[in-house]
Amino acid sequence: MPDQKPLEPSLWVDVRNNRTAVIVYCLIVSAAITMLYSQGRVWWCQAGDTVPWSWNIWSTHNSQHVVDPYSFTHVLHGVLEFWLIGLVFRRMPLAWRLALAIFIESFWEVAENSAAVIERYRSATISLDYFGDSIINSIADILCCSTGFVIAYNLRFWKSLIMFLTTEAILIFWIRDSLLINILMLLYPIEAIKHWQIGA
């Protein structure tokens, strides 16, 4: 897919001129927050640490603060969603493509924190002590996805592809996990990969 000039009107202009879409963004995120709260998700890390970040994926703080290593995978969600939504819905205005990306990510955050998916993570991936995200972490993940969407819009295809692959490589060396590995292990667990991830 070749690089293209930014679509007209620009993403920012399209969003700014579409107040209905902005209201829809807020409603989608509010609905996700309500559903997460109804699932029993806590607002913030119960371990008592108030810093906004946690970089140790093996600690009880992972997925409980604003930012953690997996935040970068949610940025990549946004990159993928920008290109896939644009591929399927070519005529959809950019503001509504962003709304669809926010909806997909919000839906995933709710599904990811369901009992069934949490158990799947704990049994099939390296997230052995995963008990779900805090609400603030889920909100931040949705914002990370939106950021990835904007980044992909600005970088266009080839540069965003390089950024995607570079981020994947950094995560693999840093935490022995990445978006693509996470998807693979969630859908089709491979014991050899799991053993490598945990250093066995």
C-alpha atoms as a PDB file:
ATOM      1  CA  MET A   1       0.000   0.000   0.000  1.00  0.00           C
ATOM      2  CA  PRO A   2       1.775   3.196  -1.141  1.00  0.00           C
ATOM      3  CA  ASP A   3       2.138   6.323   0.931  1.00  0.00           C
ATOM      4  CA  GLN A   4      -0.613   8.828   0.338  1.00  0.00           C
ATOM      5  CA  LYS A   5      -1.030  12.491   1.078  1.00  0.00           C
ATOM      6  CA  PRO A   6      -3.255  13.188   4.102  1.00  0.00           C
ATOM      7  CA  LEU A   7      -6.912  12.972   3.222  1.00  0.00           C
ATOM      8  CA  GLU A   8      -8.873  16.227   2.988  1.00  0.00           C
ATOM      9  CA  PRO A   9     -10.244  17.504   5.218  1.00  0.00           C
ATOM     10  CA  SER A  10      -7.529  16.622   7.701  1.00  0.00           C
ATOM     11  CA  LEU A  11      -8.309  14.399  10.667  1.00  0.00           C
ATOM     12  CA  TRP A  12      -8.208  17.361  13.049  1.00  0.00           C
ATOM     13  CA  VAL A  13     -10.502  19.471  10.891  1.00  0.00           C
ATOM     14  CA  ASP A  14     -12.886  16.561  10.403  1.00  0.00           C
ATOM     15  CA  VAL A  15     -13.096  15.910  14.152  1.00  0.00           C
ATOM     16  CA  ARG A  16     -13.365  19.589  15.067  1.00  0.00           C
ATOM     17  CA  ASN A  17     -16.210  20.089  12.595  1.00  0.00           C
ATOM     18  CA  ASN A  18     -18.076  16.983  13.710  1.00  0.00           C
ATOM     19  CA  ARG A  19     -19.375  17.622  17.216  1.00  0.00           C
ATOM     20  CA  THR A  20     -21.669  14.618  16.998  1.00  0.00           C
ATOM     21  CA  ALA A  21     -18.667  12.338  16.542  1.00  0.00           C
ATOM     22  CA  VAL A  22     -16.944  13.891  19.569  1.00  0.00           C
ATOM     23  CA  ILE A  23     -20.065  13.291  21.657  1.00  0.00           C
ATOM     24  CA  VAL A  24     -20.086   9.693  20.425  1.00  0.00           C
ATOM     25  CA  TYR A  25     -16.426   9.277  21.522  1.00  0.00           C
ATOM     26  CA  CYS A  26     -17.358  10.391  25.021  1.00  0.00           C
ATOM     27  CA  LEU A  27     -20.453   8.189  25.154  1.00  0.00           C
ATOM     28  CA  ILE A  28     -18.521   5.111  24.026  1.00  0.00           C
ATOM     29  CA  VAL A  29     -15.815   5.588  26.652  1.00  0.00           C
ATOM     30  CA  SER A  30     -18.411   6.371  29.339  1.00  0.00           C
ATOM     31  CA  ALA A  31     -20.284   3.170  28.476  1.00  0.00           C
ATOM     32  CA  ALA A  32     -17.037   1.186  28.679  1.00  0.00           C
ATOM     33  CA  ILE A  33     -16.246   2.682  32.090  1.00  0.00           C
ATOM     34  CA  THR A  34     -19.728   1.811  33.336  1.00  0.00           C
ATOM     35  CA  MET A  35     -19.426  -1.781  32.109  1.00  0.00           C
ATOM     36  CA  LEU A  36     -15.944  -2.184  33.573  1.00  0.00           C
ATOM     37  CA  TYR A  37     -17.187  -0.900  36.926  1.00  0.00           C
ATOM     38  CA  SER A  38     -20.121  -3.330  36.781  1.00  0.00           C
ATOM     39  CA  GLN A  39     -17.584  -6.131  36.189  1.00  0.00           C
ATOM     40  CA  GLY A  40     -15.954  -5.270  39.508  1.00  0.00           C
ATOM     41  CA  ARG A  41     -12.903  -3.488  38.103  1.00  0.00           C
ATOM     42  CA  VAL A  42     -11.161  -1.185  40.584  1.00  0.00           C
ATOM     43  CA  TRP A  43     -10.404   2.430  39.695  1.00  0.00           C
ATOM     44  CA  TRP A  44      -6.714   2.299  40.623  1.00  0.00           C
ATOM     45  CA  CYS A  45      -4.067  -0.141  41.746  1.00  0.00           C
ATOM     46  CA  GLN A  46      -5.075  -1.695  45.069  1.00  0.00           C
ATOM     47  CA  ALA A  47      -1.420  -2.284  46.004  1.00  0.00           C
ATOM     48  CA  GLY A  48      -1.243   1.346  47.073  1.00  0.00           C
ATOM     49  CA  ASP A  49       1.376   2.741  44.685  1.00  0.00           C
ATOM     50  CA  THR A  50       0.240   6.118  43.333  1.00  0.00           C
ATOM     51  CA  VAL A  51       2.820   6.618  40.557  1.00  0.00           C
ATOM     52  CA  PRO A  52       1.223   6.698  37.103  1.00  0.00           C
ATOM     53  CA  TRP A  53       3.463   4.019  35.607  1.00  0.00           C
ATOM     54  CA  SER A  54       4.574   0.441  36.222  1.00  0.00           C
ATOM     55  CA  TRP A  55       7.298  -1.121  34.083  1.00  0.00           C
ATOM     56  CA  ASN A  56       7.554  -4.594  35.671  1.00  0.00           C
ATOM     57  CA  ILE A  57       5.146  -6.923  33.877  1.00  0.00           C
ATOM     58  CA  TRP A  58       5.609  -9.566  36.589  1.00  0.00           C
ATOM     59  CA  SER A  59       4.454  -7.356  39.450  1.00  0.00           C
ATOM     60  CA  THR A  60       0.951  -6.872  40.860  1.00  0.00           C
ATOM     61  CA  HIS A  61       1.132  -3.309  39.529  1.00  0.00           C
ATOM     62  CA  ASN A  62       1.016  -4.390  35.884  1.00  0.00           C
ATOM     63  CA  SER A  63      -2.184  -3.219  34.139  1.00  0.00           C
ATOM     64  CA  GLN A  64      -3.140  -1.264  37.253  1.00  0.00           C
ATOM     65  CA  HIS A  65      -1.581   2.141  36.537  1.00  0.00           C
ATOM     66  CA  VAL A  66      -1.925   4.635  33.714  1.00  0.00           C
ATOM     67  CA  VAL A  67       1.019   3.364  31.673  1.00  0.00           C
ATOM     68  CA  ASP A  68       2.854   0.039  31.494  1.00  0.00           C
ATOM     69  CA  PRO A  69       4.775  -1.834  28.770  1.00  0.00           C
ATOM     70  CA  TYR A  70       1.528  -3.129  27.279  1.00  0.00           C
ATOM     71  CA  SER A  71       0.393   0.458  26.667  1.00  0.00           C
ATOM     72  CA  PHE A  72       2.612   0.362  23.576  1.00  0.00           C
ATOM     73  CA  THR A  73       0.664  -2.623  22.209  1.00  0.00           C
ATOM     74  CA  HIS A  74      -2.497  -0.523  22.455  1.00  0.00           C
ATOM     75  CA  VAL A  75      -0.824   2.195  20.402  1.00  0.00           C
ATOM     76  CA  LEU A  76      -0.253  -0.521  17.808  1.00  0.00           C
ATOM     77  CA  HIS A  77      -3.944  -1.428  18.032  1.00  0.00           C
ATOM     78  CA  GLY A  78      -4.657   2.086  16.816  1.00  0.00           C
ATOM     79  CA  VAL A  79      -2.179   1.798  13.952  1.00  0.00           C
ATOM     80  CA  LEU A  80      -3.778  -1.443  12.763  1.00  0.00           C
ATOM     81  CA  GLU A  81      -7.290  -0.088  13.186  1.00  0.00           C
ATOM     82  CA  PHE A  82      -6.501   3.046  11.174  1.00  0.00           C
ATOM     83  CA  TRP A  83      -5.418   1.004   8.157  1.00  0.00           C
ATOM     84  CA  LEU A  84      -7.979  -1.794   8.427  1.00  0.00           C
ATOM     85  CA  ILE A  85     -10.937   0.524   8.985  1.00  0.00           C
ATOM     86  CA  GLY A  86      -9.756   2.726   6.124  1.00  0.00           C
ATOM     87  CA  LEU A  87      -9.432  -0.326   3.904  1.00  0.00           C
ATOM     88  CA  VAL A  88     -12.966  -1.554   4.644  1.00  0.00           C
ATOM     89  CA  PHE A  89     -14.733   1.807   4.980  1.00  0.00           C
ATOM     90  CA  ARG A  90     -13.018   3.959   2.383  1.00  0.00           C
ATOM     91  CA  ARG A  91     -15.832   6.500   2.152  1.00  0.00           C
ATOM     92  CA  MET A  92     -16.361   6.869   5.901  1.00  0.00           C
ATOM     93  CA  PRO A  93     -15.317  10.318   7.203  1.00  0.00           C
ATOM     94  CA  LEU A  94     -12.163  10.264   9.330  1.00  0.00           C
ATOM     95  CA  ALA A  95     -13.995  11.434  12.446  1.00  0.00           C
ATOM     96  CA  TRP A  96     -16.280   8.404  12.254  1.00  0.00           C
ATOM     97  CA  ARG A  97     -13.403   6.038  11.503  1.00  0.00           C
ATOM     98  CA  LEU A  98     -11.861   7.244  14.759  1.00  0.00           C
ATOM     99  CA  ALA A  99     -15.201   6.656  16.490  1.00  0.00           C
ATOM    100  CA  LEU A 100     -15.212   3.086  15.181  1.00  0.00           C
ATOM    101  CA  ALA A 101     -11.625   2.567  16.399  1.00  0.00           C
ATOM    102  CA  ILE A 102     -12.576   3.866  19.850  1.00  0.00           C
ATOM    103  CA  PHE A 103     -15.600   1.560  19.863  1.00  0.00           C
ATOM    104  CA  ILE A 104     -13.514  -1.484  18.903  1.00  0.00           C
ATOM    105  CA  GLU A 105     -10.907  -0.714  21.557  1.00  0.00           C
ATOM    106  CA  SER A 106     -13.549  -0.028  24.221  1.00  0.00           C
ATOM    107  CA  PHE A 107     -15.314  -3.268  23.339  1.00  0.00           C
ATOM    108  CA  TRP A 108     -12.005  -5.119  23.661  1.00  0.00           C
ATOM    109  CA  GLU A 109     -11.279  -3.547  27.053  1.00  0.00           C
ATOM    110  CA  VAL A 110     -14.631  -4.772  28.358  1.00  0.00           C
ATOM    111  CA  ALA A 111     -14.173  -8.235  26.805  1.00  0.00           C
ATOM    112  CA  GLU A 112     -10.566  -8.462  28.012  1.00  0.00           C
ATOM    113  CA  ASN A 113     -11.736  -7.927  31.575  1.00  0.00           C
ATOM    114  CA  SER A 114     -14.450 -10.563  31.446  1.00  0.00           C
ATOM    115  CA  ALA A 115     -13.943 -13.644  33.604  1.00  0.00           C
ATOM    116  CA  ALA A 116     -13.563 -15.923  30.570  1.00  0.00           C
ATOM    117  CA  VAL A 117     -10.851 -13.873  28.862  1.00  0.00           C
ATOM    118  CA  ILE A 118      -8.978 -13.265  32.131  1.00  0.00           C
ATOM    119  CA  GLU A 119      -8.895 -17.014  32.716  1.00  0.00           C
ATOM    120  CA  ARG A 120      -7.749 -17.550  29.132  1.00  0.00           C
ATOM    121  CA  TYR A 121      -4.875 -15.108  29.648  1.00  0.00           C
ATOM    122  CA  ARG A 122      -3.864 -16.817  32.890  1.00  0.00           C
ATOM    123  CA  SER A 123      -3.945 -20.321  31.410  1.00  0.00           C
ATOM    124  CA  ALA A 124      -2.547 -19.724  27.913  1.00  0.00           C
ATOM    125  CA  THR A 125      -0.113 -16.801  28.175  1.00  0.00           C
ATOM    126  CA  ILE A 126       2.609 -15.563  30.529  1.00  0.00           C
ATOM    127  CA  SER A 127       0.023 -13.448  32.390  1.00  0.00           C
ATOM    128  CA  LEU A 128      -0.197 -16.015  35.185  1.00  0.00           C
ATOM    129  CA  ASP A 129      -1.160 -13.465  37.822  1.00  0.00           C
ATOM    130  CA  TYR A 130      -3.435 -11.382  35.602  1.00  0.00           C
ATOM    131  CA  PHE A 131      -6.690 -10.516  37.322  1.00  0.00           C
ATOM    132  CA  GLY A 132      -7.853  -7.752  34.988  1.00  0.00           C
ATOM    133  CA  ASP A 133      -7.089  -4.097  34.383  1.00  0.00           C
ATOM    134  CA  SER A 134      -7.898  -1.167  36.605  1.00  0.00           C
ATOM    135  CA  ILE A 135     -10.421   1.247  35.098  1.00  0.00           C
ATOM    136  CA  ILE A 136      -7.792   3.973  34.779  1.00  0.00           C
ATOM    137  CA  ASN A 137      -5.561   1.542  32.869  1.00  0.00           C
ATOM    138  CA  SER A 138      -8.397   0.663  30.491  1.00  0.00           C
ATOM    139  CA  ILE A 139      -9.145   4.348  29.873  1.00  0.00           C
ATOM    140  CA  ALA A 140      -5.446   4.928  29.167  1.00  0.00           C
ATOM    141  CA  ASP A 141      -5.397   1.946  26.786  1.00  0.00           C
ATOM    142  CA  ILE A 142      -8.287   3.466  24.818  1.00  0.00           C
ATOM    143  CA  LEU A 143      -6.389   6.760  24.658  1.00  0.00           C
ATOM    144  CA  CYS A 144      -3.249   4.894  23.518  1.00  0.00           C
ATOM    145  CA  CYS A 145      -5.249   3.280  20.729  1.00  0.00           C
ATOM    146  CA  SER A 146      -6.574   6.687  19.668  1.00  0.00           C
ATOM    147  CA  THR A 147      -3.004   7.997  19.715  1.00  0.00           C
ATOM    148  CA  GLY A 148      -1.894   5.128  17.476  1.00  0.00           C
ATOM    149  CA  PHE A 149      -4.740   5.954  15.072  1.00  0.00           C
ATOM    150  CA  VAL A 150      -3.544   9.570  14.845  1.00  0.00           C
ATOM    151  CA  ILE A 151       0.091   8.495  14.482  1.00  0.00           C
ATOM    152  CA  ALA A 152      -0.791   6.188  11.577  1.00  0.00           C
ATOM    153  CA  TYR A 153      -2.768   8.973   9.911  1.00  0.00           C
ATOM    154  CA  ASN A 154       0.209  11.316  10.129  1.00  0.00           C
ATOM    155  CA  LEU A 155       2.955   8.826   9.242  1.00  0.00           C
ATOM    156  CA  ARG A 156       1.063   7.130   6.398  1.00  0.00           C
ATOM    157  CA  PHE A 157       1.562   3.469   5.533  1.00  0.00           C
ATOM    158  CA  TRP A 158       5.277   2.750   5.158  1.00  0.00           C
ATOM    159  CA  LYS A 159       6.459   4.894   8.056  1.00  0.00           C
ATOM    160  CA  SER A 160       3.733   3.548  10.335  1.00  0.00           C
ATOM    161  CA  LEU A 161       4.682   0.002   9.276  1.00  0.00           C
ATOM    162  CA  ILE A 162       8.303   0.689  10.248  1.00  0.00           C
ATOM    163  CA  MET A 163       7.114   2.157  13.543  1.00  0.00           C
ATOM    164  CA  PHE A 164       4.907  -0.921  14.126  1.00  0.00           C
ATOM    165  CA  LEU A 165       7.723  -3.403  13.487  1.00  0.00           C
ATOM    166  CA  THR A 166      10.234  -1.376  15.515  1.00  0.00           C
ATOM    167  CA  THR A 167       7.870  -1.239  18.494  1.00  0.00           C
ATOM    168  CA  GLU A 168       7.264  -4.981  18.227  1.00  0.00           C
ATOM    169  CA  ALA A 169      11.026  -5.640  18.211  1.00  0.00           C
ATOM    170  CA  ILE A 170      11.647  -3.380  21.211  1.00  0.00           C
ATOM    171  CA  LEU A 171       8.891  -5.083  23.211  1.00  0.00           C
ATOM    172  CA  ILE A 172      10.217  -8.547  22.356  1.00  0.00           C
ATOM    173  CA  PHE A 173      13.676  -7.649  23.647  1.00  0.00           C
ATOM    174  CA  TRP A 174      12.302  -5.691  26.616  1.00  0.00           C
ATOM    175  CA  ILE A 175       9.517  -7.917  27.995  1.00  0.00           C
ATOM    176  CA  ARG A 176       9.639 -10.976  25.714  1.00  0.00           C
ATOM    177  CA  ASP A 177       6.133 -10.149  24.573  1.00  0.00           C
ATOM    178  CA  SER A 178       4.490  -7.995  21.921  1.00  0.00           C
ATOM    179  CA  LEU A 179       1.125  -7.427  20.279  1.00  0.00           C
ATOM    180  CA  LEU A 180       1.586 -10.167  17.682  1.00  0.00           C
ATOM    181  CA  ILE A 181       2.955 -12.667  20.209  1.00  0.00           C
ATOM    182  CA  ASN A 182       0.116 -11.811  22.581  1.00  0.00           C
ATOM    183  CA  ILE A 183      -2.485 -12.455  19.882  1.00  0.00           C
ATOM    184  CA  LEU A 184      -0.804 -15.721  18.883  1.00  0.00           C
ATOM    185  CA  MET A 185      -0.589 -16.995  22.456  1.00  0.00           C
ATOM    186  CA  LEU A 186      -4.158 -16.011  23.218  1.00  0.00           C
ATOM    187  CA  LEU A 187      -5.563 -17.775  20.152  1.00  0.00           C
ATOM    188  CA  TYR A 188      -3.084 -20.621  19.649  1.00  0.00           C
ATOM    189  CA  PRO A 189      -0.740 -21.087  22.624  1.00  0.00           C
ATOM    190  CA  ILE A 190       2.692 -22.551  21.850  1.00  0.00           C
ATOM    191  CA  GLU A 191       4.486 -24.013  24.862  1.00  0.00           C
ATOM    192  CA  ALA A 192       7.956 -23.360  23.431  1.00  0.00           C
ATOM    193  CA  ILE A 193       7.192 -19.646  23.161  1.00  0.00           C
ATOM    194  CA  LYS A 194       5.732 -19.603  26.684  1.00  0.00           C
ATOM    195  CA  HIS A 195       8.839 -21.279  28.107  1.00  0.00           C
ATOM    196  CA  TRP A 196      11.057 -18.734  26.336  1.00  0.00           C
ATOM    197  CA  GLN A 197       8.942 -15.879  27.679  1.00  0.00           C
ATOM    198  CA  ILE A 198       9.239 -16.994  31.279  1.00  0.00           C
ATOM    199  CA  GLY A 199      12.927 -17.867  30.876  1.00  0.00           C
ATOM    200  CA  ALA A 200      12.428 -21.571  31.441  1.00  0.00           C
END
